[in-house]
Amino acid sequence: MIKHHPQQELLVSHANGVLPLSMAIAVSAHCALCETCREQLALLTEQAANSALNPDGAHAHAAKQHIGQELIHTAHIDAGNTQATNVPVMDIDDMLAQIMAQPAATDVPNNAPLDVQVKQQHYTVPSVFRQHLARPWQILGKVSRMRFDVDEMNTRASLLHIDAQGEIPQHTHKGYELTLLLAGAFSDLNGDYVPGDFIVLDSQHHHSPKTVDGCLCYTVLDAPLHFTKGLSKLLNPIGELIY
C-alpha cells in the first residue's frame, strides 16, 4: 500500500497548471499509480476549470465588456472617414457555447503505460514519461541514470535504476530530493517503500537507499547530494558535476 503522497498544495498547484515540469511529471506519475490522489486531482482540476470558466459576477461582467470592446474596434475608421462598419457584439456565454459545440477531437492522447528497458530488465511506467525516454542511460556500477531535459536552472530530473543488491551510499541533501518509486522496492533508515511512494527529503534527512531485487525511480534534485560516510565522501568536491 502506498504510504507517501504529495502534499495537498502540490496537487492544487498541479491542477492549476503552475508546477515546474520536473515536479508536474512527478505528480502526474504518482497519480497514475495512486487511485486516491488521482481522484483528488480530478476533483481539483474540475474546480480549477469551473473557476476559470465561471468567475464571479464582477469579473464576468468585465470580461464581457472587454470582448465587446475588442469586437467593436475591429470596425476600422480611417483618419479622414468617421463612418464605421457596424459589427455585431457576441455575448461571451454565446461564444463559449459555440466553442463547446465543436466536434470532439479525434486525435486522442495515448495514455497507455510505457515499457522501459535497462540492463535487460523491463519495467512499465506511466505515460507522462513518453516525451522523455529517448535519452541514453548513464551507467556507474549498479546505478543507472537517464537524465531528462527539463530546463529548470539547477534542477535535475532523472530516471534512476538500482540493480538487485545495490545501494546509494549514505548521504544527506544540500537542497531537496524527490523520489517517486515506479517499480520494485527499496528501503532506508526511514522505512520500506513500494511503487507509487512519493518521498521528499531535505538537509534534515540522512539515508542510504538499498534494494534487494532492484528498483526504478524518478528523482528530482535541486542541489548535489552530500555523502557522509566512507570513500563516497571523496565524491563531494565534484558533486556539482555528478548530481
C-alpha atoms as a PDB file:
ATOM      1  CA  MET A   1       0.000   0.000   0.000  1.00  0.00           C
ATOM      2  CA  ILE A   2       1.255   3.480  -0.913  1.00  0.00           C
ATOM      3  CA  LYS A   3       2.072   5.409   2.280  1.00  0.00           C
ATOM      4  CA  HIS A   4       3.726   8.571   0.952  1.00  0.00           C
ATOM      5  CA  HIS A   5       1.741  11.082  -1.127  1.00  0.00           C
ATOM      6  CA  PRO A   6       2.218  14.639  -2.464  1.00  0.00           C
ATOM      7  CA  GLN A   7       1.101  17.403  -0.128  1.00  0.00           C
ATOM      8  CA  GLN A   8      -2.274  18.953  -0.919  1.00  0.00           C
ATOM      9  CA  GLU A   9      -0.578  22.166  -2.040  1.00  0.00           C
ATOM     10  CA  LEU A  10       1.238  20.254  -4.779  1.00  0.00           C
ATOM     11  CA  LEU A  11      -1.992  18.704  -6.047  1.00  0.00           C
ATOM     12  CA  VAL A  12      -3.704  22.119  -6.094  1.00  0.00           C
ATOM     13  CA  SER A  13      -0.780  23.707  -7.948  1.00  0.00           C
ATOM     14  CA  HIS A  14      -0.741  20.850 -10.454  1.00  0.00           C
ATOM     15  CA  ALA A  15      -4.486  21.192 -11.065  1.00  0.00           C
ATOM     16  CA  ASN A  16      -3.938  24.887 -11.785  1.00  0.00           C
ATOM     17  CA  GLY A  17      -1.024  24.195 -14.127  1.00  0.00           C
ATOM     18  CA  VAL A  18       1.610  26.159 -12.211  1.00  0.00           C
ATOM     19  CA  LEU A  19       4.143  23.459 -11.250  1.00  0.00           C
ATOM     20  CA  PRO A  20       7.539  23.343 -12.980  1.00  0.00           C
ATOM     21  CA  LEU A  21       7.886  20.485 -15.450  1.00  0.00           C
ATOM     22  CA  SER A  22      10.051  18.294 -13.203  1.00  0.00           C
ATOM     23  CA  MET A  23       7.503  18.351 -10.378  1.00  0.00           C
ATOM     24  CA  ALA A  24       4.489  18.151 -12.709  1.00  0.00           C
ATOM     25  CA  ILE A  25       5.907  14.899 -14.122  1.00  0.00           C
ATOM     26  CA  ALA A  26       6.283  13.523 -10.591  1.00  0.00           C
ATOM     27  CA  VAL A  27       2.741  14.408  -9.529  1.00  0.00           C
ATOM     28  CA  SER A  28       1.235  13.082 -12.769  1.00  0.00           C
ATOM     29  CA  ALA A  29       3.160   9.812 -12.483  1.00  0.00           C
ATOM     30  CA  HIS A  30       2.190   9.386  -8.821  1.00  0.00           C
ATOM     31  CA  CYS A  31      -1.477   9.950  -9.642  1.00  0.00           C
ATOM     32  CA  ALA A  32      -1.258   7.327 -12.381  1.00  0.00           C
ATOM     33  CA  LEU A  33      -0.182   4.860  -9.670  1.00  0.00           C
ATOM     34  CA  CYS A  34      -2.355   6.109  -6.786  1.00  0.00           C
ATOM     35  CA  GLU A  35      -6.139   5.962  -7.116  1.00  0.00           C
ATOM     36  CA  THR A  36      -6.709   8.175  -4.062  1.00  0.00           C
ATOM     37  CA  CYS A  37      -4.607  11.067  -5.375  1.00  0.00           C
ATOM     38  CA  ARG A  38      -5.923  10.539  -8.914  1.00  0.00           C
ATOM     39  CA  GLU A  39      -9.474  11.097  -7.660  1.00  0.00           C
ATOM     40  CA  GLN A  40      -8.402  14.136  -5.647  1.00  0.00           C
ATOM     41  CA  LEU A  41      -6.610  15.614  -8.654  1.00  0.00           C
ATOM     42  CA  ALA A  42      -9.637  15.082 -10.902  1.00  0.00           C
ATOM     43  CA  LEU A  43     -11.810  16.979  -8.416  1.00  0.00           C
ATOM     44  CA  LEU A  44      -9.275  19.792  -8.042  1.00  0.00           C
ATOM     45  CA  THR A  45      -8.905  20.047 -11.822  1.00  0.00           C
ATOM     46  CA  GLU A  46     -12.679  20.299 -12.225  1.00  0.00           C
ATOM     47  CA  GLN A  47     -12.774  23.023  -9.579  1.00  0.00           C
ATOM     48  CA  ALA A  48      -9.977  24.933 -11.321  1.00  0.00           C
ATOM     49  CA  ALA A  49     -11.777  24.673 -14.668  1.00  0.00           C
ATOM     50  CA  ASN A  50     -15.069  25.868 -13.167  1.00  0.00           C
ATOM     51  CA  SER A  51     -13.297  28.774 -11.521  1.00  0.00           C
ATOM     52  CA  ALA A  52     -11.683  29.768 -14.822  1.00  0.00           C
ATOM     53  CA  LEU A  53     -14.909  29.477 -16.836  1.00  0.00           C
ATOM     54  CA  ASN A  54     -17.247  30.883 -14.190  1.00  0.00           C
ATOM     55  CA  PRO A  55     -15.551  33.783 -12.410  1.00  0.00           C
ATOM     56  CA  ASP A  56     -17.543  35.989 -10.021  1.00  0.00           C
ATOM     57  CA  GLY A  57     -20.127  38.408 -11.363  1.00  0.00           C
ATOM     58  CA  ALA A  58     -17.857  41.420 -11.457  1.00  0.00           C
ATOM     59  CA  HIS A  59     -15.139  39.612 -13.354  1.00  0.00           C
ATOM     60  CA  ALA A  60     -17.673  38.097 -15.761  1.00  0.00           C
ATOM     61  CA  HIS A  61     -19.140  41.500 -16.497  1.00  0.00           C
ATOM     62  CA  ALA A  62     -15.680  42.977 -17.069  1.00  0.00           C
ATOM     63  CA  ALA A  63     -14.778  40.097 -19.385  1.00  0.00           C
ATOM     64  CA  LYS A  64     -17.928  40.598 -21.443  1.00  0.00           C
ATOM     65  CA  GLN A  65     -17.252  44.321 -21.697  1.00  0.00           C
ATOM     66  CA  HIS A  66     -13.665  43.671 -22.797  1.00  0.00           C
ATOM     67  CA  ILE A  67     -14.660  41.183 -25.513  1.00  0.00           C
ATOM     68  CA  GLY A  68     -17.410  43.515 -26.688  1.00  0.00           C
ATOM     69  CA  GLN A  69     -14.952  46.378 -26.984  1.00  0.00           C
ATOM     70  CA  GLU A  70     -12.489  44.191 -28.894  1.00  0.00           C
ATOM     71  CA  LEU A  71     -15.164  43.222 -31.412  1.00  0.00           C
ATOM     72  CA  ILE A  72     -16.372  46.796 -31.817  1.00  0.00           C
ATOM     73  CA  HIS A  73     -12.843  48.009 -32.512  1.00  0.00           C
ATOM     74  CA  THR A  74     -12.497  45.610 -35.412  1.00  0.00           C
ATOM     75  CA  ALA A  75     -14.529  48.206 -37.327  1.00  0.00           C
ATOM     76  CA  HIS A  76     -11.746  50.209 -38.976  1.00  0.00           C
ATOM     77  CA  ILE A  77     -12.092  54.013 -39.069  1.00  0.00           C
ATOM     78  CA  ASP A  78      -9.816  55.850 -41.482  1.00  0.00           C
ATOM     79  CA  ALA A  79      -8.307  59.145 -40.437  1.00  0.00           C
ATOM     80  CA  GLY A  80     -10.479  61.026 -42.889  1.00  0.00           C
ATOM     81  CA  ASN A  81     -13.568  58.886 -42.545  1.00  0.00           C
ATOM     82  CA  THR A  82     -15.653  58.866 -39.366  1.00  0.00           C
ATOM     83  CA  GLN A  83     -18.174  56.280 -40.584  1.00  0.00           C
ATOM     84  CA  ALA A  84     -17.557  52.852 -39.025  1.00  0.00           C
ATOM     85  CA  THR A  85     -18.882  49.498 -40.102  1.00  0.00           C
ATOM     86  CA  ASN A  86     -21.419  48.102 -37.663  1.00  0.00           C
ATOM     87  CA  VAL A  87     -20.061  44.901 -36.070  1.00  0.00           C
ATOM     88  CA  PRO A  88     -22.366  42.667 -34.019  1.00  0.00           C
ATOM     89  CA  VAL A  89     -21.181  42.052 -30.460  1.00  0.00           C
ATOM     90  CA  MET A  90     -21.290  38.407 -29.358  1.00  0.00           C
ATOM     91  CA  ASP A  91     -22.025  37.655 -25.732  1.00  0.00           C
ATOM     92  CA  ILE A  92     -19.223  35.673 -24.043  1.00  0.00           C
ATOM     93  CA  ASP A  93     -21.701  32.969 -22.994  1.00  0.00           C
ATOM     94  CA  ASP A  94     -22.767  32.512 -26.644  1.00  0.00           C
ATOM     95  CA  MET A  95     -19.112  32.372 -27.664  1.00  0.00           C
ATOM     96  CA  LEU A  96     -18.337  29.671 -25.093  1.00  0.00           C
ATOM     97  CA  ALA A  97     -21.433  27.732 -26.164  1.00  0.00           C
ATOM     98  CA  GLN A  98     -20.229  27.754 -29.768  1.00  0.00           C
ATOM     99  CA  ILE A  99     -16.763  26.573 -28.707  1.00  0.00           C
ATOM    100  CA  MET A 100     -18.195  23.726 -26.623  1.00  0.00           C
ATOM    101  CA  ALA A 101     -20.438  22.695 -29.539  1.00  0.00           C
ATOM    102  CA  GLN A 102     -17.449  21.981 -31.777  1.00  0.00           C
ATOM    103  CA  PRO A 103     -16.839  18.296 -32.698  1.00  0.00           C
ATOM    104  CA  ALA A 104     -14.709  16.300 -30.293  1.00  0.00           C
ATOM    105  CA  ALA A 105     -11.060  15.927 -31.207  1.00  0.00           C
ATOM    106  CA  THR A 106     -10.217  12.668 -32.916  1.00  0.00           C
ATOM    107  CA  ASP A 107      -6.514  12.798 -32.011  1.00  0.00           C
ATOM    108  CA  VAL A 108      -6.840  11.352 -28.503  1.00  0.00           C
ATOM    109  CA  PRO A 109      -3.618  11.295 -26.420  1.00  0.00           C
ATOM    110  CA  ASN A 110      -2.187   7.830 -25.851  1.00  0.00           C
ATOM    111  CA  ASN A 111      -2.269   7.249 -22.092  1.00  0.00           C
ATOM    112  CA  ALA A 112      -1.144   3.626 -22.230  1.00  0.00           C
ATOM    113  CA  PRO A 113       1.751   2.728 -19.897  1.00  0.00           C
ATOM    114  CA  LEU A 114       5.209   2.543 -21.427  1.00  0.00           C
ATOM    115  CA  ASP A 115       7.891  -0.131 -21.436  1.00  0.00           C
ATOM    116  CA  VAL A 116      11.349   0.913 -20.222  1.00  0.00           C
ATOM    117  CA  GLN A 117      14.367  -1.342 -20.589  1.00  0.00           C
ATOM    118  CA  VAL A 118      17.640  -1.026 -18.688  1.00  0.00           C
ATOM    119  CA  LYS A 119      20.274  -3.763 -18.340  1.00  0.00           C
ATOM    120  CA  GLN A 120      17.947  -6.419 -19.795  1.00  0.00           C
ATOM    121  CA  GLN A 121      15.285  -5.502 -17.218  1.00  0.00           C
ATOM    122  CA  HIS A 122      11.848  -4.371 -18.403  1.00  0.00           C
ATOM    123  CA  TYR A 123       9.653  -2.006 -16.402  1.00  0.00           C
ATOM    124  CA  THR A 124       6.254  -0.412 -17.017  1.00  0.00           C
ATOM    125  CA  VAL A 125       5.995   3.330 -16.315  1.00  0.00           C
ATOM    126  CA  PRO A 126       3.159   5.892 -16.650  1.00  0.00           C
ATOM    127  CA  SER A 127       2.570   7.585 -19.998  1.00  0.00           C
ATOM    128  CA  VAL A 128       3.679  11.006 -18.670  1.00  0.00           C
ATOM    129  CA  PHE A 129       7.257   9.892 -19.404  1.00  0.00           C
ATOM    130  CA  ARG A 130       6.526   9.392 -23.122  1.00  0.00           C
ATOM    131  CA  GLN A 131       8.361  12.532 -24.302  1.00  0.00           C
ATOM    132  CA  HIS A 132      11.457  11.920 -22.174  1.00  0.00           C
ATOM    133  CA  LEU A 133      12.636   8.364 -22.832  1.00  0.00           C
ATOM    134  CA  ALA A 134      14.823   8.896 -25.893  1.00  0.00           C
ATOM    135  CA  ARG A 135      17.915   9.864 -23.917  1.00  0.00           C
ATOM    136  CA  PRO A 136      20.746   7.384 -23.178  1.00  0.00           C
ATOM    137  CA  TRP A 137      21.370   5.626 -19.875  1.00  0.00           C
ATOM    138  CA  GLN A 138      24.492   6.596 -17.925  1.00  0.00           C
ATOM    139  CA  ILE A 139      25.794   3.564 -16.010  1.00  0.00           C
ATOM    140  CA  LEU A 140      28.030   3.569 -12.939  1.00  0.00           C
ATOM    141  CA  GLY A 141      28.277   0.155 -11.349  1.00  0.00           C
ATOM    142  CA  LYS A 142      24.875  -0.942 -10.050  1.00  0.00           C
ATOM    143  CA  VAL A 143      23.337   2.506 -10.621  1.00  0.00           C
ATOM    144  CA  SER A 144      21.990   3.706 -13.993  1.00  0.00           C
ATOM    145  CA  ARG A 145      20.539   7.121 -14.735  1.00  0.00           C
ATOM    146  CA  MET A 146      18.619   8.661 -17.634  1.00  0.00           C
ATOM    147  CA  ARG A 147      18.774  12.448 -17.320  1.00  0.00           C
ATOM    148  CA  PHE A 148      15.740  14.423 -18.558  1.00  0.00           C
ATOM    149  CA  ASP A 149      15.952  17.842 -20.179  1.00  0.00           C
ATOM    150  CA  VAL A 150      13.590  19.956 -18.038  1.00  0.00           C
ATOM    151  CA  ASP A 151      15.452  23.291 -18.482  1.00  0.00           C
ATOM    152  CA  GLU A 152      14.958  24.458 -14.875  1.00  0.00           C
ATOM    153  CA  MET A 153      18.167  26.173 -13.794  1.00  0.00           C
ATOM    154  CA  ASN A 154      19.824  23.899 -11.190  1.00  0.00           C
ATOM    155  CA  THR A 155      17.061  21.282 -11.031  1.00  0.00           C
ATOM    156  CA  ARG A 156      17.934  17.781 -12.251  1.00  0.00           C
ATOM    157  CA  ALA A 157      15.251  15.232 -13.148  1.00  0.00           C
ATOM    158  CA  SER A 158      16.116  11.620 -13.977  1.00  0.00           C
ATOM    159  CA  LEU A 159      15.037   8.030 -14.130  1.00  0.00           C
ATOM    160  CA  LEU A 160      17.236   6.155 -11.663  1.00  0.00           C
ATOM    161  CA  HIS A 161      17.703   2.388 -11.730  1.00  0.00           C
ATOM    162  CA  ILE A 162      19.452   0.415  -8.992  1.00  0.00           C
ATOM    163  CA  ASP A 163      20.404  -3.215  -9.671  1.00  0.00           C
ATOM    164  CA  ALA A 164      19.499  -6.041  -7.323  1.00  0.00           C
ATOM    165  CA  GLN A 165      21.522  -5.870  -4.083  1.00  0.00           C
ATOM    166  CA  GLY A 166      22.502  -2.302  -4.919  1.00  0.00           C
ATOM    167  CA  GLU A 167      22.506   0.802  -2.747  1.00  0.00           C
ATOM    168  CA  ILE A 168      23.246   4.518  -2.802  1.00  0.00           C
ATOM    169  CA  PRO A 169      25.950   5.451  -0.268  1.00  0.00           C
ATOM    170  CA  GLN A 170      24.797   7.259   2.877  1.00  0.00           C
ATOM    171  CA  HIS A 171      24.135  10.923   2.186  1.00  0.00           C
ATOM    172  CA  THR A 172      22.186  13.998   3.099  1.00  0.00           C
ATOM    173  CA  HIS A 173      20.930  16.772   0.808  1.00  0.00           C
ATOM    174  CA  LYS A 174      22.063  20.320   0.121  1.00  0.00           C
ATOM    175  CA  GLY A 175      18.609  21.064  -1.276  1.00  0.00           C
ATOM    176  CA  TYR A 176      15.563  18.840  -1.674  1.00  0.00           C
ATOM    177  CA  GLU A 177      15.384  15.353  -3.128  1.00  0.00           C
ATOM    178  CA  LEU A 178      12.141  13.945  -4.514  1.00  0.00           C
ATOM    179  CA  THR A 179      11.996  10.211  -5.179  1.00  0.00           C
ATOM    180  CA  LEU A 180       8.980   8.585  -6.803  1.00  0.00           C
ATOM    181  CA  LEU A 181       9.291   4.804  -6.764  1.00  0.00           C
ATOM    182  CA  LEU A 182       7.971   3.450 -10.074  1.00  0.00           C
ATOM    183  CA  ALA A 183       8.794  -0.253  -9.843  1.00  0.00           C
ATOM    184  CA  GLY A 184      10.434  -2.675  -7.463  1.00  0.00           C
ATOM    185  CA  ALA A 185      11.125  -1.803  -3.843  1.00  0.00           C
ATOM    186  CA  PHE A 186      13.787  -0.178  -1.684  1.00  0.00           C
ATOM    187  CA  SER A 187      14.328   0.659   1.961  1.00  0.00           C
ATOM    188  CA  ASP A 188      16.319   3.095   4.079  1.00  0.00           C
ATOM    189  CA  LEU A 189      16.524   4.237   7.698  1.00  0.00           C
ATOM    190  CA  ASN A 190      13.044   5.746   7.384  1.00  0.00           C
ATOM    191  CA  GLY A 191      11.189   2.664   6.172  1.00  0.00           C
ATOM    192  CA  ASP A 192      10.266   0.439   3.255  1.00  0.00           C
ATOM    193  CA  TYR A 193       8.835   1.794   0.010  1.00  0.00           C
ATOM    194  CA  VAL A 194       6.516   0.432  -2.689  1.00  0.00           C
ATOM    195  CA  PRO A 195       5.660   1.641  -6.206  1.00  0.00           C
ATOM    196  CA  GLY A 196       3.809   4.960  -6.040  1.00  0.00           C
ATOM    197  CA  ASP A 197       5.501   6.219  -2.861  1.00  0.00           C
ATOM    198  CA  PHE A 198       6.308   9.930  -3.239  1.00  0.00           C
ATOM    199  CA  ILE A 199       9.201  10.767  -0.903  1.00  0.00           C
ATOM    200  CA  VAL A 200      10.570  14.285  -0.352  1.00  0.00           C
ATOM    201  CA  LEU A 201      13.717  14.723   1.784  1.00  0.00           C
ATOM    202  CA  ASP A 202      15.976  17.680   2.604  1.00  0.00           C
ATOM    203  CA  SER A 203      19.066  18.563   4.646  1.00  0.00           C
ATOM    204  CA  GLN A 204      17.442  17.245   7.824  1.00  0.00           C
ATOM    205  CA  HIS A 205      17.497  13.682   6.488  1.00  0.00           C
ATOM    206  CA  HIS A 206      20.325  11.144   6.172  1.00  0.00           C
ATOM    207  CA  HIS A 207      19.735   7.861   4.367  1.00  0.00           C
ATOM    208  CA  SER A 208      21.264   5.092   2.272  1.00  0.00           C
ATOM    209  CA  PRO A 209      18.625   3.538  -0.026  1.00  0.00           C
ATOM    210  CA  LYS A 210      19.062  -0.207  -0.582  1.00  0.00           C
ATOM    211  CA  THR A 211      17.180  -2.618  -2.822  1.00  0.00           C
ATOM    212  CA  VAL A 212      17.079  -6.419  -2.712  1.00  0.00           C
ATOM    213  CA  ASP A 213      15.588  -7.162  -6.132  1.00  0.00           C
ATOM    214  CA  GLY A 214      16.266  -3.885  -7.942  1.00  0.00           C
ATOM    215  CA  CYS A 215      14.098  -0.788  -8.450  1.00  0.00           C
ATOM    216  CA  LEU A 216      13.293   2.030 -10.846  1.00  0.00           C
ATOM    217  CA  CYS A 217      12.649   5.561  -9.567  1.00  0.00           C
ATOM    218  CA  TYR A 218      12.006   9.047 -10.871  1.00  0.00           C
ATOM    219  CA  THR A 219      14.136  11.577  -8.994  1.00  0.00           C
ATOM    220  CA  VAL A 220      14.285  15.367  -8.818  1.00  0.00           C
ATOM    221  CA  LEU A 221      17.088  17.291  -7.057  1.00  0.00           C
ATOM    222  CA  ASP A 222      17.820  20.993  -6.915  1.00  0.00           C
ATOM    223  CA  ALA A 223      21.300  20.638  -5.386  1.00  0.00           C
ATOM    224  CA  PRO A 224      24.010  17.947  -5.110  1.00  0.00           C
ATOM    225  CA  LEU A 225      23.891  15.124  -2.597  1.00  0.00           C
ATOM    226  CA  HIS A 226      26.371  15.344   0.270  1.00  0.00           C
ATOM    227  CA  PHE A 227      27.903  11.952   1.058  1.00  0.00           C
ATOM    228  CA  THR A 228      28.578  11.399   4.743  1.00  0.00           C
ATOM    229  CA  LYS A 229      30.277   8.020   5.120  1.00  0.00           C
ATOM    230  CA  GLY A 230      33.225   6.059   3.780  1.00  0.00           C
ATOM    231  CA  LEU A 231      35.014   6.508   0.490  1.00  0.00           C
ATOM    232  CA  SER A 232      31.934   8.076  -1.100  1.00  0.00           C
ATOM    233  CA  LYS A 233      32.844  11.326   0.703  1.00  0.00           C
ATOM    234  CA  LEU A 234      35.589  11.704  -1.896  1.00  0.00           C
ATOM    235  CA  LEU A 235      32.814  12.495  -4.411  1.00  0.00           C
ATOM    236  CA  ASN A 236      31.681  15.620  -2.545  1.00  0.00           C
ATOM    237  CA  PRO A 237      34.157  18.031  -4.205  1.00  0.00           C
ATOM    238  CA  ILE A 238      32.760  17.103  -7.623  1.00  0.00           C
ATOM    239  CA  GLY A 239      29.138  16.908  -6.510  1.00  0.00           C
ATOM    240  CA  GLU A 240      28.102  19.709  -8.878  1.00  0.00           C
ATOM    241  CA  LEU A 241      29.209  17.586 -11.826  1.00  0.00           C
ATOM    242  CA  ILE A 242      27.523  14.308 -10.935  1.00  0.00           C
ATOM    243  CA  TYR A 243      24.141  15.095  -9.384  1.00  0.00           C
END
